[in-house]
PDB file of N, CA and C in Angstrom:
ATOM      1  N   LEU A   1      -2.728  -0.994 -12.481  1.00  0.00           N
ATOM      2  CA  LEU A   1      -2.872  -1.034 -13.919  1.00  0.00           C
ATOM      3  C   LEU A   1      -3.490  -2.362 -14.361  1.00  0.00           C
ATOM      4  N   ILE A   2      -3.102  -3.442 -13.712  1.00  0.00           N
ATOM      5  CA  ILE A   2      -3.662  -4.742 -14.069  1.00  0.00           C
ATOM      6  C   ILE A   2      -5.142  -4.792 -13.716  1.00  0.00           C
ATOM      7  N   ILE A   3      -5.492  -4.307 -12.540  1.00  0.00           N
ATOM      8  CA  ILE A   3      -6.902  -4.307 -12.132  1.00  0.00           C
ATOM      9  C   ILE A   3      -7.719  -3.422 -13.064  1.00  0.00           C
ATOM     10  N   ALA A   4      -7.155  -2.305 -13.487  1.00  0.00           N
ATOM     11  CA  ALA A   4      -7.868  -1.420 -14.407  1.00  0.00           C
ATOM     12  C   ALA A   4      -8.101  -2.105 -15.742  1.00  0.00           C
ATOM     13  N   SER A   5      -7.170  -2.940 -16.165  1.00  0.00           N
ATOM     14  CA  SER A   5      -7.348  -3.620 -17.451  1.00  0.00           C
ATOM     15  C   SER A   5      -8.390  -4.728 -17.371  1.00  0.00           C
ATOM     16  N   PHE A   6      -8.716  -5.201 -16.166  1.00  0.00           N
ATOM     17  CA  PHE A   6      -9.736  -6.237 -16.015  1.00  0.00           C
ATOM     18  C   PHE A   6     -11.156  -5.685 -16.127  1.00  0.00           C
ATOM     19  N   ASN A   7     -11.322  -4.382 -16.086  1.00  0.00           N
ATOM     20  CA  ASN A   7     -12.652  -3.791 -16.190  1.00  0.00           C
ATOM     21  C   ASN A   7     -13.188  -3.949 -17.605  1.00  0.00           C
ATOM     22  N   GLY A   8     -14.489  -3.874 -17.711  1.00  0.00           N
ATOM     23  CA  GLY A   8     -15.131  -4.139 -18.990  1.00  0.00           C
ATOM     24  C   GLY A   8     -14.933  -3.069 -20.044  1.00  0.00           C
ATOM     25  N   ASN A   9     -14.799  -1.824 -19.646  1.00  0.00           N
ATOM     26  CA  ASN A   9     -14.639  -0.760 -20.633  1.00  0.00           C
ATOM     27  C   ASN A   9     -13.616   0.264 -20.141  1.00  0.00           C
ATOM     28  N   PRO A  10     -13.157   1.127 -21.025  1.00  0.00           N
ATOM     29  CA  PRO A  10     -12.110   2.086 -20.646  1.00  0.00           C
ATOM     30  C   PRO A  10     -12.523   3.056 -19.542  1.00  0.00           C
ATOM     31  N   LEU A  11     -13.787   3.429 -19.502  1.00  0.00           N
ATOM     32  CA  LEU A  11     -14.232   4.361 -18.465  1.00  0.00           C
ATOM     33  C   LEU A  11     -14.121   3.742 -17.074  1.00  0.00           C
ATOM     34  N   ASP A  12     -14.512   2.483 -16.944  1.00  0.00           N
ATOM     35  CA  ASP A  12     -14.379   1.805 -15.652  1.00  0.00           C
ATOM     36  C   ASP A  12     -12.912   1.633 -15.266  1.00  0.00           C
ATOM     37  N   GLY A  13     -12.055   1.367 -16.247  1.00  0.00           N
ATOM     38  CA  GLY A  13     -10.625   1.262 -15.975  1.00  0.00           C
ATOM     39  C   GLY A  13     -10.050   2.578 -15.494  1.00  0.00           C
ATOM     40  N   ALA A  14     -10.451   3.665 -16.135  1.00  0.00           N
ATOM     41  CA  ALA A  14      -9.983   4.988 -15.715  1.00  0.00           C
ATOM     42  C   ALA A  14     -10.497   5.324 -14.320  1.00  0.00           C
ATOM     43  N   LEU A  15     -11.718   4.918 -14.023  1.00  0.00           N
ATOM     44  CA  LEU A  15     -12.281   5.169 -12.698  1.00  0.00           C
ATOM     45  C   LEU A  15     -11.516   4.406 -11.617  1.00  0.00           C
ATOM     46  N   SER A  16     -11.175   3.150 -11.879  1.00  0.00           N
ATOM     47  CA  SER A  16     -10.428   2.391 -10.873  1.00  0.00           C
ATOM     48  C   SER A  16      -9.017   2.938 -10.707  1.00  0.00           C
ATOM     49  N   MET A  17      -8.399   3.419 -11.781  1.00  0.00           N
ATOM     50  CA  MET A  17      -7.070   4.020 -11.666  1.00  0.00           C
ATOM     51  C   MET A  17      -7.135   5.329 -10.884  1.00  0.00           C
ATOM     52  N   SER A  18      -8.189   6.133 -11.098  1.00  0.00           N
ATOM     53  CA  SER A  18      -8.302   7.377 -10.332  1.00  0.00           C
ATOM     54  C   SER A  18      -8.577   7.102  -8.864  1.00  0.00           C
ATOM     55  N   ALA A  19      -9.352   6.061  -8.567  1.00  0.00           N
ATOM     56  CA  ALA A  19      -9.598   5.713  -7.168  1.00  0.00           C
ATOM     57  C   ALA A  19      -8.298   5.274  -6.492  1.00  0.00           C
ATOM     58  N   PHE A  20      -7.477   4.516  -7.205  1.00  0.00           N
ATOM     59  CA  PHE A  20      -6.182   4.111  -6.655  1.00  0.00           C
ATOM     60  C   PHE A  20      -5.291   5.327  -6.417  1.00  0.00           C
ATOM     61  N   ALA A  21      -5.260   6.248  -7.374  1.00  0.00           N
ATOM     62  CA  ALA A  21      -4.428   7.450  -7.229  1.00  0.00           C
ATOM     63  C   ALA A  21      -4.895   8.288  -6.046  1.00  0.00           C
ATOM     64  N   LEU A  22      -6.188   8.432  -5.886  1.00  0.00           N
ATOM     65  CA  LEU A  22      -6.719   9.214  -4.768  1.00  0.00           C
ATOM     66  C   LEU A  22      -6.404   8.550  -3.432  1.00  0.00           C
ATOM     67  N   GLY A  23      -6.629   7.255  -3.358  1.00  0.00           N
ATOM     68  CA  GLY A  23      -6.369   6.540  -2.108  1.00  0.00           C
ATOM     69  C   GLY A  23      -4.907   6.543  -1.711  1.00  0.00           C
ATOM     70  N   SER A  24      -4.023   6.350  -2.669  1.00  0.00           N
ATOM     71  CA  SER A  24      -2.598   6.327  -2.330  1.00  0.00           C
ATOM     72  C   SER A  24      -2.058   7.726  -2.074  1.00  0.00           C
ATOM     73  N   SER A  25      -2.592   8.740  -2.739  1.00  0.00           N
ATOM     74  CA  SER A  25      -2.078  10.095  -2.524  1.00  0.00           C
ATOM     75  C   SER A  25      -2.402  10.601  -1.123  1.00  0.00           C
ATOM     76  N   ILE A  26      -3.516  10.165  -0.571  1.00  0.00           N
ATOM     77  CA  ILE A  26      -3.867  10.589   0.789  1.00  0.00           C
ATOM     78  C   ILE A  26      -2.801  10.122   1.776  1.00  0.00           C
ATOM     79  N   SER A  27      -2.440   8.845   1.702  1.00  0.00           N
ATOM     80  CA  SER A  27      -1.428   8.350   2.641  1.00  0.00           C
ATOM     81  C   SER A  27      -0.053   8.913   2.331  1.00  0.00           C
ATOM     82  N   LEU A  28       0.244   9.167   1.064  1.00  0.00           N
ATOM     83  CA  LEU A  28       1.553   9.720   0.714  1.00  0.00           C
ATOM     84  C   LEU A  28       1.700  11.174   1.152  1.00  0.00           C
ATOM     85  N   PHE A  29       0.611  11.887   1.307  1.00  0.00           N
ATOM     86  CA  PHE A  29       0.676  13.258   1.806  1.00  0.00           C
ATOM     87  C   PHE A  29       0.615  13.317   3.332  1.00  0.00           C
ATOM     88  N   ILE A  30      -0.183  12.457   3.939  1.00  0.00           N
ATOM     89  CA  ILE A  30      -0.378  12.522   5.385  1.00  0.00           C
ATOM     90  C   ILE A  30       0.815  11.959   6.154  1.00  0.00           C
ATOM     91  N   ALA A  31       1.431  10.888   5.673  1.00  0.00           N
ATOM     92  CA  ALA A  31       2.527  10.256   6.423  1.00  0.00           C
ATOM     93  C   ALA A  31       3.707  11.198   6.658  1.00  0.00           C
ATOM     94  N   PRO A  32       4.237  11.895   5.644  1.00  0.00           N
ATOM     95  CA  PRO A  32       5.347  12.817   5.931  1.00  0.00           C
ATOM     96  C   PRO A  32       4.932  13.982   6.835  1.00  0.00           C
ATOM     97  N   TRP A  33       3.730  14.485   6.654  1.00  0.00           N
ATOM     98  CA  TRP A  33       3.250  15.578   7.498  1.00  0.00           C
ATOM     99  C   TRP A  33       3.159  15.112   8.957  1.00  0.00           C
ATOM    100  N   LEU A  34       2.615  13.910   9.157  1.00  0.00           N
ATOM    101  CA  LEU A  34       2.492  13.370  10.503  1.00  0.00           C
ATOM    102  C   LEU A  34       3.867  13.139  11.120  1.00  0.00           C
ATOM    103  N   TRP A  35       4.817  12.651  10.313  1.00  0.00           N
ATOM    104  CA  TRP A  35       6.156  12.417  10.835  1.00  0.00           C
ATOM    105  C   TRP A  35       6.812  13.735  11.260  1.00  0.00           C
ATOM    106  N   LEU A  36       6.623  14.797  10.486  1.00  0.00           N
ATOM    107  CA  LEU A  36       7.190  16.093  10.860  1.00  0.00           C
ATOM    108  C   LEU A  36       6.572  16.624  12.150  1.00  0.00           C
ATOM    109  N   LYS A  37       5.287  16.363  12.345  1.00  0.00           N
ATOM    110  CA  LYS A  37       4.627  16.827  13.563  1.00  0.00           C
ATOM    111  C   LYS A  37       5.086  16.036  14.789  1.00  0.00           C
ATOM    112  N   LEU A  38       5.358  14.751  14.608  1.00  0.00           N
ATOM    113  CA  LEU A  38       5.731  13.906  15.736  1.00  0.00           C
ATOM    114  C   LEU A  38       7.234  13.869  15.991  1.00  0.00           C
ATOM    115  N   LYS A  39       8.014  14.429  15.072  1.00  0.00           N
ATOM    116  CA  LYS A  39       9.472  14.327  15.174  1.00  0.00           C
ATOM    117  C   LYS A  39       9.989  15.172  16.339  1.00  0.00           C
ATOM    118  N   THR A  40      10.647  14.510  17.244  1.00  0.00           N
ATOM    119  CA  THR A  40      11.319  15.178  18.353  1.00  0.00           C
ATOM    120  C   THR A  40      12.693  14.543  18.502  1.00  0.00           C
ATOM    121  N   LYS A  41      13.479  15.047  19.417  1.00  0.00           N
ATOM    122  CA  LYS A  41      14.806  14.469  19.627  1.00  0.00           C
ATOM    123  C   LYS A  41      14.716  13.052  20.179  1.00  0.00           C
ATOM    124  N   THR A  42      13.621  12.720  20.822  1.00  0.00           N
ATOM    125  CA  THR A  42      13.446  11.376  21.357  1.00  0.00           C
ATOM    126  C   THR A  42      13.041  10.395  20.269  1.00  0.00           C
ATOM    127  N   ILE A  43      12.172  10.812  19.367  1.00  0.00           N
ATOM    128  CA  ILE A  43      11.631   9.918  18.350  1.00  0.00           C
ATOM    129  C   ILE A  43      12.509   9.859  17.102  1.00  0.00           C
ATOM    130  N   GLU A  44      13.201  10.924  16.770  1.00  0.00           N
ATOM    131  CA  GLU A  44      13.932  11.016  15.504  1.00  0.00           C
ATOM    132  C   GLU A  44      14.942   9.891  15.265  1.00  0.00           C
ATOM    133  N   PRO A  45      15.734   9.454  16.246  1.00  0.00           N
ATOM    134  CA  PRO A  45      16.705   8.385  15.965  1.00  0.00           C
ATOM    135  C   PRO A  45      16.064   7.048  15.605  1.00  0.00           C
ATOM    136  N   TYR A  46      14.796   6.879  15.907  1.00  0.00           N
ATOM    137  CA  TYR A  46      14.142   5.603  15.655  1.00  0.00           C
ATOM    138  C   TYR A  46      13.404   5.561  14.322  1.00  0.00           C
ATOM    139  N   GLY A  47      13.518   6.589  13.517  1.00  0.00           N
ATOM    140  CA  GLY A  47      12.807   6.629  12.244  1.00  0.00           C
ATOM    141  C   GLY A  47      13.226   5.526  11.297  1.00  0.00           C
ATOM    142  N   MET A  48      14.523   5.302  11.166  1.00  0.00           N
ATOM    143  CA  MET A  48      15.016   4.255  10.277  1.00  0.00           C
ATOM    144  C   MET A  48      14.624   2.875  10.796  1.00  0.00           C
ATOM    145  N   ARG A  49      14.659   2.711  12.106  1.00  0.00           N
ATOM    146  CA  ARG A  49      14.253   1.424  12.684  1.00  0.00           C
ATOM    147  C   ARG A  49      12.764   1.180  12.479  1.00  0.00           C
ATOM    148  N   LEU A  50      11.973   2.227  12.622  1.00  0.00           N
ATOM    149  CA  LEU A  50      10.538   2.096  12.398  1.00  0.00           C
ATOM    150  C   LEU A  50      10.249   1.734  10.947  1.00  0.00           C
ATOM    151  N   ALA A  51      10.942   2.380  10.017  1.00  0.00           N
ATOM    152  CA  ALA A  51      10.753   2.071   8.598  1.00  0.00           C
ATOM    153  C   ALA A  51      11.162   0.633   8.299  1.00  0.00           C
ATOM    154  N   GLY A  52      12.264   0.186   8.879  1.00  0.00           N
ATOM    155  CA  GLY A  52      12.701  -1.196   8.686  1.00  0.00           C
ATOM    156  C   GLY A  52      11.717  -2.189   9.262  1.00  0.00           C
ATOM    157  N   PHE A  53      11.180  -1.873  10.437  1.00  0.00           N
ATOM    158  CA  PHE A  53      10.186  -2.752  11.046  1.00  0.00           C
ATOM    159  C   PHE A  53       8.923  -2.837  10.197  1.00  0.00           C
ATOM    160  N   LEU A  54       8.458  -1.700   9.703  1.00  0.00           N
ATOM    161  CA  LEU A  54       7.250  -1.702   8.869  1.00  0.00           C
ATOM    162  C   LEU A  54       7.478  -2.452   7.563  1.00  0.00           C
ATOM    163  N   LEU A  55       8.661  -2.312   6.981  1.00  0.00           N
ATOM    164  CA  LEU A  55       8.983  -3.054   5.765  1.00  0.00           C
ATOM    165  C   LEU A  55       9.025  -4.553   6.042  1.00  0.00           C
ATOM    166  N   SER A  56       9.630  -4.941   7.153  1.00  0.00           N
ATOM    167  CA  SER A  56       9.680  -6.358   7.520  1.00  0.00           C
ATOM    168  C   SER A  56       8.283  -6.907   7.791  1.00  0.00           C
ATOM    169  N   ALA A  57       7.456  -6.134   8.459  1.00  0.00           N
ATOM    170  CA  ALA A  57       6.090  -6.577   8.757  1.00  0.00           C
ATOM    171  C   ALA A  57       5.277  -6.738   7.479  1.00  0.00           C
ATOM    172  N   ALA A  58       5.410  -5.800   6.551  1.00  0.00           N
ATOM    173  CA  ALA A  58       4.678  -5.904   5.286  1.00  0.00           C
ATOM    174  C   ALA A  58       5.167  -7.096   4.474  1.00  0.00           C
ATOM    175  N   SER A  59       6.462  -7.352   4.493  1.00  0.00           N
ATOM    176  CA  SER A  59       7.010  -8.497   3.767  1.00  0.00           C
ATOM    177  C   SER A  59       6.540  -9.807   4.383  1.00  0.00           C
ATOM    178  N   ALA A  60       6.552  -9.885   5.708  1.00  0.00           N
ATOM    179  CA  ALA A  60       6.087 -11.100   6.380  1.00  0.00           C
ATOM    180  C   ALA A  60       4.612 -11.344   6.097  1.00  0.00           C
ATOM    181  N   TRP A  61       3.820 -10.279   6.096  1.00  0.00           N
ATOM    182  CA  TRP A  61       2.392 -10.429   5.790  1.00  0.00           C
ATOM    183  C   TRP A  61       2.189 -10.917   4.358  1.00  0.00           C
ATOM    184  N   ALA A  62       2.964 -10.381   3.409  1.00  0.00           N
ATOM    185  CA  ALA A  62       2.833 -10.801   2.014  1.00  0.00           C
ATOM    186  C   ALA A  62       3.216 -12.268   1.849  1.00  0.00           C
ATOM    187  N   ILE A  63       4.279 -12.701   2.512  1.00  0.00           N
ATOM    188  CA  ILE A  63       4.681 -14.107   2.434  1.00  0.00           C
ATOM    189  C   ILE A  63       3.628 -14.990   3.085  1.00  0.00           C
ATOM    190  N   TRP A  64       3.106 -14.570   4.224  1.00  0.00           N
ATOM    191  CA  TRP A  64       2.060 -15.335   4.901  1.00  0.00           C
ATOM    192  C   TRP A  64       0.821 -15.482   4.014  1.00  0.00           C
ATOM    193  N   MET A  65       0.406 -14.412   3.383  1.00  0.00           N
ATOM    194  CA  MET A  65      -0.767 -14.475   2.514  1.00  0.00           C
ATOM    195  C   MET A  65      -0.519 -15.389   1.319  1.00  0.00           C
ATOM    196  N   GLU A  66       0.695 -15.391   0.789  1.00  0.00           N
ATOM    197  CA  GLU A  66       1.011 -16.261  -0.343  1.00  0.00           C
ATOM    198  C   GLU A  66       1.003 -17.725   0.086  1.00  0.00           C
ATOM    199  N   LEU A  67       1.510 -18.007   1.267  1.00  0.00           N
ATOM    200  CA  LEU A  67       1.584 -19.393   1.723  1.00  0.00           C
ATOM    201  C   LEU A  67       0.232 -19.939   2.160  1.00  0.00           C
ATOM    202  N   THR A  68      -0.600 -19.120   2.760  1.00  0.00           N
ATOM    203  CA  THR A  68      -1.864 -19.623   3.291  1.00  0.00           C
ATOM    204  C   THR A  68      -3.037 -19.465   2.334  1.00  0.00           C
ATOM    205  N   HIS A  69      -3.001 -18.479   1.487  1.00  0.00           N
ATOM    206  CA  HIS A  69      -4.109 -18.226   0.561  1.00  0.00           C
ATOM    207  C   HIS A  69      -3.581 -18.277  -0.866  1.00  0.00           C
ATOM    208  N   ASN A  70      -3.220 -19.442  -1.302  1.00  0.00           N
ATOM    209  CA  ASN A  70      -2.603 -19.573  -2.619  1.00  0.00           C
ATOM    210  C   ASN A  70      -3.660 -19.748  -3.708  1.00  0.00           C
ATOM    211  N   THR A  71      -4.696 -18.955  -3.674  1.00  0.00           N
ATOM    212  CA  THR A  71      -5.699 -18.982  -4.732  1.00  0.00           C
ATOM    213  C   THR A  71      -5.664 -17.663  -5.470  1.00  0.00           C
ATOM    214  N   LYS A  72      -5.810 -17.733  -6.732  1.00  0.00           N
ATOM    215  CA  LYS A  72      -5.819 -16.531  -7.559  1.00  0.00           C
ATOM    216  C   LYS A  72      -7.274 -16.221  -7.915  1.00  0.00           C
ATOM    217  N   VAL A  73      -7.810 -15.187  -7.320  1.00  0.00           N
ATOM    218  CA  VAL A  73      -9.221 -14.849  -7.478  1.00  0.00           C
ATOM    219  C   VAL A  73      -9.554 -14.573  -8.936  1.00  0.00           C
ATOM    220  N   TRP A  74      -8.666 -13.880  -9.630  1.00  0.00           N
ATOM    221  CA  TRP A  74      -8.972 -13.501 -10.998  1.00  0.00           C
ATOM    222  C   TRP A  74      -8.847 -14.668 -11.971  1.00  0.00           C
ATOM    223  N   CYS A  75      -8.263 -15.795 -11.542  1.00  0.00           N
ATOM    224  CA  CYS A  75      -8.124 -16.955 -12.427  1.00  0.00           C
ATOM    225  C   CYS A  75      -9.152 -18.035 -12.119  1.00  0.00           C
ATOM    226  N   ALA A  76      -9.890 -17.909 -11.029  1.00  0.00           N
ATOM    227  CA  ALA A  76     -10.851 -18.935 -10.637  1.00  0.00           C
ATOM    228  C   ALA A  76     -12.048 -18.920 -11.583  1.00  0.00           C
ATOM    229  N   THR A  77     -12.514 -20.099 -11.910  1.00  0.00           N
ATOM    230  CA  THR A  77     -13.705 -20.191 -12.767  1.00  0.00           C
ATOM    231  C   THR A  77     -14.793 -20.959 -12.080  1.00  0.00           C
TER     232      THR A  77
END
């Protein structure tokens, strides 16, 4: 929503919001389908651990990016 508001006119904002919706909906539909296809008695107990690991990895990456790249692109002049 913030990126859409940075566009010059409402049509460009709507276009960026639709691109975000399309991009995120693809992964939101494919991930559960893929998990159902891969789910077996061997893999199923590790689902919560995998989710926790991915959450930890994403959090560590976000902290790393904040610490190493502390520049705000949209505020630079």
